[in-house]
Structures are given as structure tokens and as C-alpha cells.
């Protein structure tokens, strides 16, 4: 998982690996909440492993990468999206 996440800057090249991880995880009955827990556990492991070297900036960068991973996995497995459709957003602004 770490190797996949560290290469998110080349998203098209790692997308097959993310789908591979997602398929493996889904075989165990993975839920949306489990994906969140997995990402939280990954951050906790980094904090323990890196100790003082795990700075706030580094944590924020990892959290950003994990949010992308989380979103892709949930979209792939559960057909969900955290992206608001542009027409819905515009309509909400017009109605305000």
C-alpha cells in the first residue's frame, strides 16, 4: 500500500494497483468504514515508525495522499463519490 500511495503523483500508472488492493480487501467483506480505519491505521503506523521525524507537514502530506487513496477505493468498490456535481453546486449557489 505504501508503494502505491507514494506514487499517487502518477495516478494513471498506480490506478491498477489501487484496484488490485481494493479487490483483495473486498474479499474480506470490507466496508466504507473499514477503508477509513485502514487509512487511520496507516497514519498511526507512520507516527510510531518515524517518531519525531513525522512532522506536521509530513503528516498533512500523507493525509492528503490517503484521502485520494480512500476516495478511489470507495469509488471503485462501493460506487460512491465525495465530489459534488458542478451543476448541483451551481444550483445551490443560485438558490442562496
PDB file of N, CA and C in Angstrom:
ATOM      1  N   UNK A   1       0.827  -1.184   0.000  1.00  0.00           N
ATOM      2  CA  UNK A   1       0.000   0.000   0.000  1.00  0.00           C
ATOM      3  C   UNK A   1       0.871   1.248   0.000  1.00  0.00           C
ATOM      4  N   UNK A   2       1.944   1.236   0.781  1.00  0.00           N
ATOM      5  CA  UNK A   2       2.818   2.407   0.845  1.00  0.00           C
ATOM      6  C   UNK A   2       3.387   2.740  -0.530  1.00  0.00           C
ATOM      7  N   UNK A   3       3.831   1.730  -1.254  1.00  0.00           N
ATOM      8  CA  UNK A   3       4.407   1.971  -2.584  1.00  0.00           C
ATOM      9  C   UNK A   3       3.384   2.586  -3.527  1.00  0.00           C
ATOM     10  N   UNK A   4       2.161   2.144  -3.422  1.00  0.00           N
ATOM     11  CA  UNK A   4       1.105   2.696  -4.270  1.00  0.00           C
ATOM     12  C   UNK A   4       0.844   4.151  -3.912  1.00  0.00           C
ATOM     13  N   UNK A   5       0.705   4.430  -2.626  1.00  0.00           N
ATOM     14  CA  UNK A   5       0.371   5.778  -2.180  1.00  0.00           C
ATOM     15  C   UNK A   5       1.497   6.759  -2.483  1.00  0.00           C
ATOM     16  N   UNK A   6       2.748   6.312  -2.375  1.00  0.00           N
ATOM     17  CA  UNK A   6       3.864   7.224  -2.634  1.00  0.00           C
ATOM     18  C   UNK A   6       3.983   7.594  -4.104  1.00  0.00           C
ATOM     19  N   UNK A   7       3.273   6.900  -4.968  1.00  0.00           N
ATOM     20  CA  UNK A   7       3.327   7.209  -6.400  1.00  0.00           C
ATOM     21  C   UNK A   7       2.011   7.779  -6.922  1.00  0.00           C
ATOM     22  N   UNK A   8       1.205   8.359  -6.043  1.00  0.00           N
ATOM     23  CA  UNK A   8      -0.075   8.931  -6.470  1.00  0.00           C
ATOM     24  C   UNK A   8       0.095  10.111  -7.418  1.00  0.00           C
ATOM     25  N   UNK A   9       1.297  10.683  -7.457  1.00  0.00           N
ATOM     26  CA  UNK A   9       1.530  11.770  -8.400  1.00  0.00           C
ATOM     27  C   UNK A   9       1.478  11.270  -9.846  1.00  0.00           C
ATOM     28  N   UNK A  10       1.586   9.960 -10.022  1.00  0.00           N
ATOM     29  CA  UNK A  10       1.422   9.334 -11.342  1.00  0.00           C
ATOM     30  C   UNK A  10       0.182   8.445 -11.276  1.00  0.00           C
ATOM     31  N   UNK A  11      -0.940   9.070 -11.083  1.00  0.00           N
ATOM     32  CA  UNK A  11      -2.188   8.376 -10.771  1.00  0.00           C
ATOM     33  C   UNK A  11      -2.558   7.309 -11.794  1.00  0.00           C
ATOM     34  N   UNK A  12      -2.446   7.617 -13.062  1.00  0.00           N
ATOM     35  CA  UNK A  12      -2.840   6.634 -14.074  1.00  0.00           C
ATOM     36  C   UNK A  12      -1.999   5.364 -13.999  1.00  0.00           C
ATOM     37  N   UNK A  13      -0.749   5.499 -13.589  1.00  0.00           N
ATOM     38  CA  UNK A  13       0.100   4.308 -13.505  1.00  0.00           C
ATOM     39  C   UNK A  13      -0.185   3.478 -12.255  1.00  0.00           C
ATOM     40  N   UNK A  14      -0.692   4.096 -11.199  1.00  0.00           N
ATOM     41  CA  UNK A  14      -0.949   3.333  -9.966  1.00  0.00           C
ATOM     42  C   UNK A  14      -2.404   2.910  -9.801  1.00  0.00           C
ATOM     43  N   UNK A  15      -3.286   3.435 -10.632  1.00  0.00           N
ATOM     44  CA  UNK A  15      -4.697   3.075 -10.525  1.00  0.00           C
ATOM     45  C   UNK A  15      -4.928   1.566 -10.576  1.00  0.00           C
ATOM     46  N   UNK A  16      -4.263   0.829 -11.467  1.00  0.00           N
ATOM     47  CA  UNK A  16      -4.453  -0.628 -11.458  1.00  0.00           C
ATOM     48  C   UNK A  16      -4.042  -1.280 -10.135  1.00  0.00           C
ATOM     49  N   UNK A  17      -3.011  -0.744  -9.492  1.00  0.00           N
ATOM     50  CA  UNK A  17      -2.570  -1.293  -8.209  1.00  0.00           C
ATOM     51  C   UNK A  17      -3.571  -0.982  -7.099  1.00  0.00           C
ATOM     52  N   UNK A  18      -4.160   0.216  -7.149  1.00  0.00           N
ATOM     53  CA  UNK A  18      -5.184   0.570  -6.166  1.00  0.00           C
ATOM     54  C   UNK A  18      -6.386  -0.356  -6.332  1.00  0.00           C
ATOM     55  N   UNK A  19      -6.783  -0.596  -7.563  1.00  0.00           N
ATOM     56  CA  UNK A  19      -7.899  -1.511  -7.815  1.00  0.00           C
ATOM     57  C   UNK A  19      -7.544  -2.922  -7.345  1.00  0.00           C
ATOM     58  N   UNK A  20      -6.302  -3.326  -7.539  1.00  0.00           N
ATOM     59  CA  UNK A  20      -5.838  -4.639  -7.076  1.00  0.00           C
ATOM     60  C   UNK A  20      -5.969  -4.741  -5.554  1.00  0.00           C
ATOM     61  N   UNK A  21      -5.474  -3.706  -4.840  1.00  0.00           N
ATOM     62  CA  UNK A  21      -5.595  -3.690  -3.374  1.00  0.00           C
ATOM     63  C   UNK A  21      -7.065  -3.709  -2.962  1.00  0.00           C
ATOM     64  N   UNK A  22      -7.872  -2.918  -3.644  1.00  0.00           N
ATOM     65  CA  UNK A  22      -9.298  -2.844  -3.313  1.00  0.00           C
ATOM     66  C   UNK A  22      -9.974  -4.201  -3.501  1.00  0.00           C
ATOM     67  N   UNK A  23      -9.659  -4.884  -4.586  1.00  0.00           N
ATOM     68  CA  UNK A  23     -10.240  -6.212  -4.818  1.00  0.00           C
ATOM     69  C   UNK A  23      -9.840  -7.193  -3.726  1.00  0.00           C
ATOM     70  N   UNK A  24      -8.571  -7.168  -3.337  1.00  0.00           N
ATOM     71  CA  UNK A  24      -8.116  -8.054  -2.261  1.00  0.00           C
ATOM     72  C   UNK A  24      -8.825  -7.740  -0.949  1.00  0.00           C
ATOM     73  N   UNK A  25      -8.968  -6.466  -0.650  1.00  0.00           N
ATOM     74  CA  UNK A  25      -9.632  -6.070   0.589  1.00  0.00           C
ATOM     75  C   UNK A  25     -11.117  -6.422   0.565  1.00  0.00           C
ATOM     76  N   UNK A  26     -11.742  -6.327  -0.596  1.00  0.00           N
ATOM     77  CA  UNK A  26     -13.179  -6.592  -0.677  1.00  0.00           C
ATOM     78  C   UNK A  26     -13.511  -8.058  -0.407  1.00  0.00           C
ATOM     79  N   UNK A  27     -12.565  -8.940  -0.629  1.00  0.00           N
ATOM     80  CA  UNK A  27     -12.794 -10.370  -0.394  1.00  0.00           C
ATOM     81  C   UNK A  27     -13.023 -10.678   1.084  1.00  0.00           C
ATOM     82  N   UNK A  28     -12.614  -9.754   1.948  1.00  0.00           N
ATOM     83  CA  UNK A  28     -12.801  -9.961   3.384  1.00  0.00           C
ATOM     84  C   UNK A  28     -14.042  -9.248   3.907  1.00  0.00           C
ATOM     85  N   UNK A  29     -14.899  -8.768   3.004  1.00  0.00           N
ATOM     86  CA  UNK A  29     -16.130  -8.098   3.428  1.00  0.00           C
ATOM     87  C   UNK A  29     -15.909  -6.664   3.860  1.00  0.00           C
ATOM     88  N   UNK A  30     -14.960  -6.001   3.268  1.00  0.00           N
ATOM     89  CA  UNK A  30     -14.604  -4.625   3.590  1.00  0.00           C
ATOM     90  C   UNK A  30     -15.805  -3.690   3.468  1.00  0.00           C
ATOM     91  N   UNK A  31     -15.935  -2.762   4.419  1.00  0.00           N
ATOM     92  CA  UNK A  31     -16.975  -1.735   4.379  1.00  0.00           C
ATOM     93  C   UNK A  31     -16.327  -0.370   4.176  1.00  0.00           C
ATOM     94  N   UNK A  32     -17.142   0.644   3.919  1.00  0.00           N
ATOM     95  CA  UNK A  32     -16.621   2.011   3.793  1.00  0.00           C
ATOM     96  C   UNK A  32     -15.884   2.439   5.058  1.00  0.00           C
ATOM     97  N   UNK A  33     -16.441   2.071   6.203  1.00  0.00           N
ATOM     98  CA  UNK A  33     -15.814   2.425   7.478  1.00  0.00           C
ATOM     99  C   UNK A  33     -14.464   1.727   7.634  1.00  0.00           C
ATOM    100  N   UNK A  34     -14.356   0.519   7.105  1.00  0.00           N
ATOM    101  CA  UNK A  34     -13.087  -0.203   7.176  1.00  0.00           C
ATOM    102  C   UNK A  34     -11.997   0.502   6.373  1.00  0.00           C
ATOM    103  N   UNK A  35     -12.372   1.098   5.253  1.00  0.00           N
ATOM    104  CA  UNK A  35     -11.403   1.840   4.447  1.00  0.00           C
ATOM    105  C   UNK A  35     -10.883   3.026   5.256  1.00  0.00           C
ATOM    106  N   UNK A  36     -11.785   3.716   5.954  1.00  0.00           N
ATOM    107  CA  UNK A  36     -11.378   4.830   6.816  1.00  0.00           C
ATOM    108  C   UNK A  36     -10.428   4.350   7.909  1.00  0.00           C
ATOM    109  N   UNK A  37     -10.771   3.232   8.536  1.00  0.00           N
ATOM    110  CA  UNK A  37      -9.924   2.682   9.599  1.00  0.00           C
ATOM    111  C   UNK A  37      -8.554   2.280   9.074  1.00  0.00           C
ATOM    112  N   UNK A  38      -8.507   1.713   7.887  1.00  0.00           N
ATOM    113  CA  UNK A  38      -7.237   1.325   7.281  1.00  0.00           C
ATOM    114  C   UNK A  38      -6.338   2.541   7.086  1.00  0.00           C
ATOM    115  N   UNK A  39      -6.910   3.621   6.597  1.00  0.00           N
ATOM    116  CA  UNK A  39      -6.130   4.840   6.388  1.00  0.00           C
ATOM    117  C   UNK A  39      -5.666   5.433   7.715  1.00  0.00           C
ATOM    118  N   UNK A  40      -6.532   5.422   8.719  1.00  0.00           N
ATOM    119  CA  UNK A  40      -6.141   5.908  10.050  1.00  0.00           C
ATOM    120  C   UNK A  40      -5.026   5.049  10.639  1.00  0.00           C
ATOM    121  N   UNK A  41      -5.118   3.739  10.454  1.00  0.00           N
ATOM    122  CA  UNK A  41      -4.088   2.829  10.961  1.00  0.00           C
ATOM    123  C   UNK A  41      -2.760   3.073  10.259  1.00  0.00           C
ATOM    124  N   UNK A  42      -2.815   3.392   8.985  1.00  0.00           N
ATOM    125  CA  UNK A  42      -1.596   3.674   8.232  1.00  0.00           C
ATOM    126  C   UNK A  42      -0.899   4.905   8.809  1.00  0.00           C
ATOM    127  N   UNK A  43      -1.666   5.955   9.099  1.00  0.00           N
ATOM    128  CA  UNK A  43      -1.100   7.170   9.712  1.00  0.00           C
ATOM    129  C   UNK A  43      -0.514   6.846  11.082  1.00  0.00           C
ATOM    130  N   UNK A  44      -1.234   6.073  11.878  1.00  0.00           N
ATOM    131  CA  UNK A  44      -0.747   5.704  13.216  1.00  0.00           C
ATOM    132  C   UNK A  44       0.561   4.929  13.120  1.00  0.00           C
ATOM    133  N   UNK A  45       0.655   4.030  12.157  1.00  0.00           N
ATOM    134  CA  UNK A  45       1.887   3.251  11.980  1.00  0.00           C
ATOM    135  C   UNK A  45       3.047   4.154  11.579  1.00  0.00           C
ATOM    136  N   UNK A  46       2.781   5.124  10.718  1.00  0.00           N
ATOM    137  CA  UNK A  46       3.832   6.065  10.333  1.00  0.00           C
ATOM    138  C   UNK A  46       4.313   6.872  11.535  1.00  0.00           C
ATOM    139  N   UNK A  47       3.378   7.320  12.372  1.00  0.00           N
ATOM    140  CA  UNK A  47       3.746   8.086  13.567  1.00  0.00           C
ATOM    141  C   UNK A  47       4.652   7.272  14.477  1.00  0.00           C
ATOM    142  N   UNK A  48       4.308   6.014  14.673  1.00  0.00           N
ATOM    143  CA  UNK A  48       5.110   5.145  15.540  1.00  0.00           C
ATOM    144  C   UNK A  48       6.474   4.887  14.915  1.00  0.00           C
ATOM    145  N   UNK A  49       6.481   4.558  13.647  1.00  0.00           N
ATOM    146  CA  UNK A  49       7.720   4.188  12.964  1.00  0.00           C
ATOM    147  C   UNK A  49       8.677   5.371  12.818  1.00  0.00           C
ATOM    148  N   UNK A  50       8.147   6.546  12.468  1.00  0.00           N
ATOM    149  CA  UNK A  50       9.004   7.697  12.207  1.00  0.00           C
ATOM    150  C   UNK A  50       9.265   8.554  13.439  1.00  0.00           C
ATOM    151  N   UNK A  51       8.428   8.420  14.446  1.00  0.00           N
ATOM    152  CA  UNK A  51       8.642   9.179  15.678  1.00  0.00           C
ATOM    153  C   UNK A  51       8.701  10.677  15.430  1.00  0.00           C
ATOM    154  N   UNK A  52       9.769  11.306  15.909  1.00  0.00           N
ATOM    155  CA  UNK A  52       9.913  12.760  15.790  1.00  0.00           C
ATOM    156  C   UNK A  52      10.085  13.227  14.348  1.00  0.00           C
ATOM    157  N   UNK A  53      10.483  12.339  13.486  1.00  0.00           N
ATOM    158  CA  UNK A  53      10.655  12.706  12.076  1.00  0.00           C
ATOM    159  C   UNK A  53       9.314  12.871  11.361  1.00  0.00           C
ATOM    160  N   UNK A  54       8.239  12.430  12.002  1.00  0.00           N
ATOM    161  CA  UNK A  54       6.907  12.562  11.414  1.00  0.00           C
ATOM    162  C   UNK A  54       6.366  13.937  11.773  1.00  0.00           C
ATOM    163  N   UNK A  55       6.771  14.935  10.999  1.00  0.00           N
ATOM    164  CA  UNK A  55       6.407  16.326  11.257  1.00  0.00           C
ATOM    165  C   UNK A  55       4.962  16.596  10.837  1.00  0.00           C
ATOM    166  N   UNK A  56       4.468  17.746  11.233  1.00  0.00           N
ATOM    167  CA  UNK A  56       3.113  18.148  10.866  1.00  0.00           C
ATOM    168  C   UNK A  56       2.964  18.231   9.343  1.00  0.00           C
ATOM    169  N   UNK A  57       3.964  18.802   8.672  1.00  0.00           N
ATOM    170  CA  UNK A  57       3.906  18.893   7.208  1.00  0.00           C
ATOM    171  C   UNK A  57       3.879  17.515   6.567  1.00  0.00           C
ATOM    172  N   UNK A  58       4.673  16.606   7.088  1.00  0.00           N
ATOM    173  CA  UNK A  58       4.704  15.245   6.558  1.00  0.00           C
ATOM    174  C   UNK A  58       3.365  14.548   6.799  1.00  0.00           C
ATOM    175  N   UNK A  59       2.810  14.754   7.985  1.00  0.00           N
ATOM    176  CA  UNK A  59       1.509  14.156   8.288  1.00  0.00           C
ATOM    177  C   UNK A  59       0.432  14.689   7.345  1.00  0.00           C
ATOM    178  N   UNK A  60       0.444  15.993   7.105  1.00  0.00           N
ATOM    179  CA  UNK A  60      -0.552  16.576   6.205  1.00  0.00           C
ATOM    180  C   UNK A  60      -0.411  16.023   4.789  1.00  0.00           C
ATOM    181  N   UNK A  61       0.817  15.842   4.338  1.00  0.00           N
ATOM    182  CA  UNK A  61       1.044  15.289   3.002  1.00  0.00           C
ATOM    183  C   UNK A  61       0.533  13.852   2.915  1.00  0.00           C
ATOM    184  N   UNK A  62       0.816  13.053   3.944  1.00  0.00           N
ATOM    185  CA  UNK A  62       0.333  11.670   3.958  1.00  0.00           C
ATOM    186  C   UNK A  62      -1.185  11.622   4.039  1.00  0.00           C
ATOM    187  N   UNK A  63      -1.778  12.502   4.840  1.00  0.00           N
ATOM    188  CA  UNK A  63      -3.245  12.523   4.942  1.00  0.00           C
ATOM    189  C   UNK A  63      -3.879  12.883   3.597  1.00  0.00           C
ATOM    190  N   UNK A  64      -3.259  13.805   2.878  1.00  0.00           N
ATOM    191  CA  UNK A  64      -3.765  14.170   1.553  1.00  0.00           C
ATOM    192  C   UNK A  64      -3.701  12.962   0.610  1.00  0.00           C
ATOM    193  N   UNK A  65      -2.574  12.280   0.598  1.00  0.00           N
ATOM    194  CA  UNK A  65      -2.413  11.098  -0.257  1.00  0.00           C
ATOM    195  C   UNK A  65      -3.401  10.005   0.130  1.00  0.00           C
ATOM    196  N   UNK A  66      -3.596   9.812   1.423  1.00  0.00           N
ATOM    197  CA  UNK A  66      -4.526   8.781   1.878  1.00  0.00           C
ATOM    198  C   UNK A  66      -5.977   9.140   1.580  1.00  0.00           C
ATOM    199  N   UNK A  67      -6.298  10.430   1.585  1.00  0.00           N
ATOM    200  CA  UNK A  67      -7.652  10.839   1.188  1.00  0.00           C
ATOM    201  C   UNK A  67      -7.905  10.463  -0.269  1.00  0.00           C
ATOM    202  N   UNK A  68      -6.892  10.660  -1.107  1.00  0.00           N
ATOM    203  CA  UNK A  68      -7.027  10.265  -2.512  1.00  0.00           C
ATOM    204  C   UNK A  68      -7.218   8.755  -2.618  1.00  0.00           C
ATOM    205  N   UNK A  69      -6.375   7.998  -1.920  1.00  0.00           N
ATOM    206  CA  UNK A  69      -6.471   6.539  -1.928  1.00  0.00           C
ATOM    207  C   UNK A  69      -7.854   6.105  -1.446  1.00  0.00           C
ATOM    208  N   UNK A  70      -8.285   6.674  -0.332  1.00  0.00           N
ATOM    209  CA  UNK A  70      -9.581   6.366   0.263  1.00  0.00           C
ATOM    210  C   UNK A  70     -10.711   6.621  -0.740  1.00  0.00           C
ATOM    211  N   UNK A  71     -10.672   7.771  -1.375  1.00  0.00           N
ATOM    212  CA  UNK A  71     -11.712   8.142  -2.328  1.00  0.00           C
ATOM    213  C   UNK A  71     -11.744   7.196  -3.527  1.00  0.00           C
ATOM    214  N   UNK A  72     -10.574   6.836  -4.035  1.00  0.00           N
ATOM    215  CA  UNK A  72     -10.506   5.939  -5.192  1.00  0.00           C
ATOM    216  C   UNK A  72     -11.028   4.561  -4.826  1.00  0.00           C
ATOM    217  N   UNK A  73     -10.613   4.043  -3.671  1.00  0.00           N
ATOM    218  CA  UNK A  73     -11.056   2.710  -3.244  1.00  0.00           C
ATOM    219  C   UNK A  73     -12.568   2.686  -3.050  1.00  0.00           C
ATOM    220  N   UNK A  74     -13.106   3.690  -2.364  1.00  0.00           N
ATOM    221  CA  UNK A  74     -14.551   3.727  -2.126  1.00  0.00           C
ATOM    222  C   UNK A  74     -15.328   3.885  -3.428  1.00  0.00           C
ATOM    223  N   UNK A  75     -14.813   4.693  -4.322  1.00  0.00           N
ATOM    224  CA  UNK A  75     -15.472   4.863  -5.613  1.00  0.00           C
ATOM    225  C   UNK A  75     -15.474   3.555  -6.388  1.00  0.00           C
ATOM    226  N   UNK A  76     -14.359   2.863  -6.385  1.00  0.00           N
ATOM    227  CA  UNK A  76     -14.215   1.613  -7.130  1.00  0.00           C
ATOM    228  C   UNK A  76     -15.069   0.495  -6.537  1.00  0.00           C
ATOM    229  N   UNK A  77     -15.029   0.343  -5.219  1.00  0.00           N
ATOM    230  CA  UNK A  77     -15.729  -0.773  -4.581  1.00  0.00           C
ATOM    231  C   UNK A  77     -17.205  -0.508  -4.299  1.00  0.00           C
ATOM    232  N   UNK A  78     -17.515   0.709  -3.910  1.00  0.00           N
ATOM    233  CA  UNK A  78     -18.862   0.995  -3.425  1.00  0.00           C
ATOM    234  C   UNK A  78     -19.632   1.972  -4.315  1.00  0.00           C
ATOM    235  N   UNK A  79     -19.024   2.365  -5.432  1.00  0.00           N
ATOM    236  CA  UNK A  79     -19.651   3.274  -6.379  1.00  0.00           C
ATOM    237  C   UNK A  79     -20.114   4.559  -5.689  1.00  0.00           C
ATOM    238  N   UNK A  80     -19.241   5.092  -4.841  1.00  0.00           N
ATOM    239  CA  UNK A  80     -19.537   6.335  -4.136  1.00  0.00           C
ATOM    240  C   UNK A  80     -18.564   7.408  -4.595  1.00  0.00           C
ATOM    241  N   UNK A  81     -18.929   8.645  -4.353  1.00  0.00           N
ATOM    242  CA  UNK A  81     -18.062   9.754  -4.718  1.00  0.00           C
ATOM    243  C   UNK A  81     -18.223  10.855  -3.686  1.00  0.00           C
ATOM    244  N   UNK A  82     -17.113  11.519  -3.384  1.00  0.00           N
ATOM    245  CA  UNK A  82     -17.182  12.659  -2.478  1.00  0.00           C
ATOM    246  C   UNK A  82     -17.089  13.971  -3.261  1.00  0.00           C
ATOM    247  N   UNK A  83     -17.278  13.880  -4.572  1.00  0.00           N
ATOM    248  CA  UNK A  83     -17.223  15.052  -5.439  1.00  0.00           C
ATOM    249  C   UNK A  83     -18.649  15.490  -5.751  1.00  0.00           C
ATOM    250  N   UNK A  84     -18.932  16.757  -5.488  1.00  0.00           N
ATOM    251  CA  UNK A  84     -20.258  17.305  -5.760  1.00  0.00           C
ATOM    252  C   UNK A  84     -20.322  17.670  -7.238  1.00  0.00           C
ATOM    253  N   UNK A  85     -21.376  17.254  -7.891  1.00  0.00           N
ATOM    254  CA  UNK A  85     -21.548  17.590  -9.303  1.00  0.00           C
ATOM    255  C   UNK A  85     -21.597  19.101  -9.461  1.00  0.00           C
ATOM    256  N   UNK A  86     -20.945  19.618 -10.493  1.00  0.00           N
ATOM    257  CA  UNK A  86     -20.848  21.059 -10.692  1.00  0.00           C
ATOM    258  C   UNK A  86     -22.222  21.694 -10.877  1.00  0.00           C
ATOM    259  N   UNK A  87     -23.126  21.022 -11.582  1.00  0.00           N
ATOM    260  CA  UNK A  87     -24.455  21.615 -11.781  1.00  0.00           C
ATOM    261  C   UNK A  87     -25.228  21.701 -10.474  1.00  0.00           C
ATOM    262  N   UNK A  88     -25.048  20.755  -9.584  1.00  0.00           N
ATOM    263  CA  UNK A  88     -25.703  20.795  -8.278  1.00  0.00           C
ATOM    264  C   UNK A  88     -25.140  21.944  -7.444  1.00  0.00           C
ATOM    265  N   UNK A  89     -23.832  22.123  -7.498  1.00  0.00           N
ATOM    266  CA  UNK A  89     -23.189  23.200  -6.756  1.00  0.00           C
ATOM    267  C   UNK A  89     -23.649  24.563  -7.263  1.00  0.00           C
ATOM    268  N   UNK A  90     -23.714  24.722  -8.584  1.00  0.00           N
ATOM    269  CA  UNK A  90     -24.163  25.984  -9.173  1.00  0.00           C
ATOM    270  C   UNK A  90     -25.610  26.254  -8.785  1.00  0.00           C
ATOM    271  N   UNK A  91     -26.446  25.236  -8.831  1.00  0.00           N
ATOM    272  CA  UNK A  91     -27.857  25.393  -8.475  1.00  0.00           C
ATOM    273  C   UNK A  91     -28.008  25.825  -7.018  1.00  0.00           C
ATOM    274  N   UNK A  92     -27.192  25.261  -6.139  1.00  0.00           N
ATOM    275  CA  UNK A  92     -27.252  25.646  -4.728  1.00  0.00           C
ATOM    276  C   UNK A  92     -26.862  27.104  -4.552  1.00  0.00           C
ATOM    277  N   UNK A  93     -25.864  27.569  -5.317  1.00  0.00           N
ATOM    278  CA  UNK A  93     -25.439  28.961  -5.226  1.00  0.00           C
ATOM    279  C   UNK A  93     -26.521  29.900  -5.749  1.00  0.00           C
ATOM    280  N   UNK A  94     -27.204  29.494  -6.814  1.00  0.00           N
ATOM    281  CA  UNK A  94     -28.279  30.308  -7.385  1.00  0.00           C
ATOM    282  C   UNK A  94     -29.431  30.427  -6.398  1.00  0.00           C
ATOM    283  N   UNK A  95     -29.742  29.339  -5.715  1.00  0.00           N
ATOM    284  CA  UNK A  95     -30.852  29.329  -4.759  1.00  0.00           C
ATOM    285  C   UNK A  95     -30.536  30.080  -3.476  1.00  0.00           C
ATOM    286  N   UNK A  96     -29.279  30.349  -3.206  1.00  0.00           N
ATOM    287  CA  UNK A  96     -28.888  31.022  -1.952  1.00  0.00           C
ATOM    288  C   UNK A  96     -29.139  32.504  -2.000  1.00  0.00           C
TER     289      UNK A  96
END
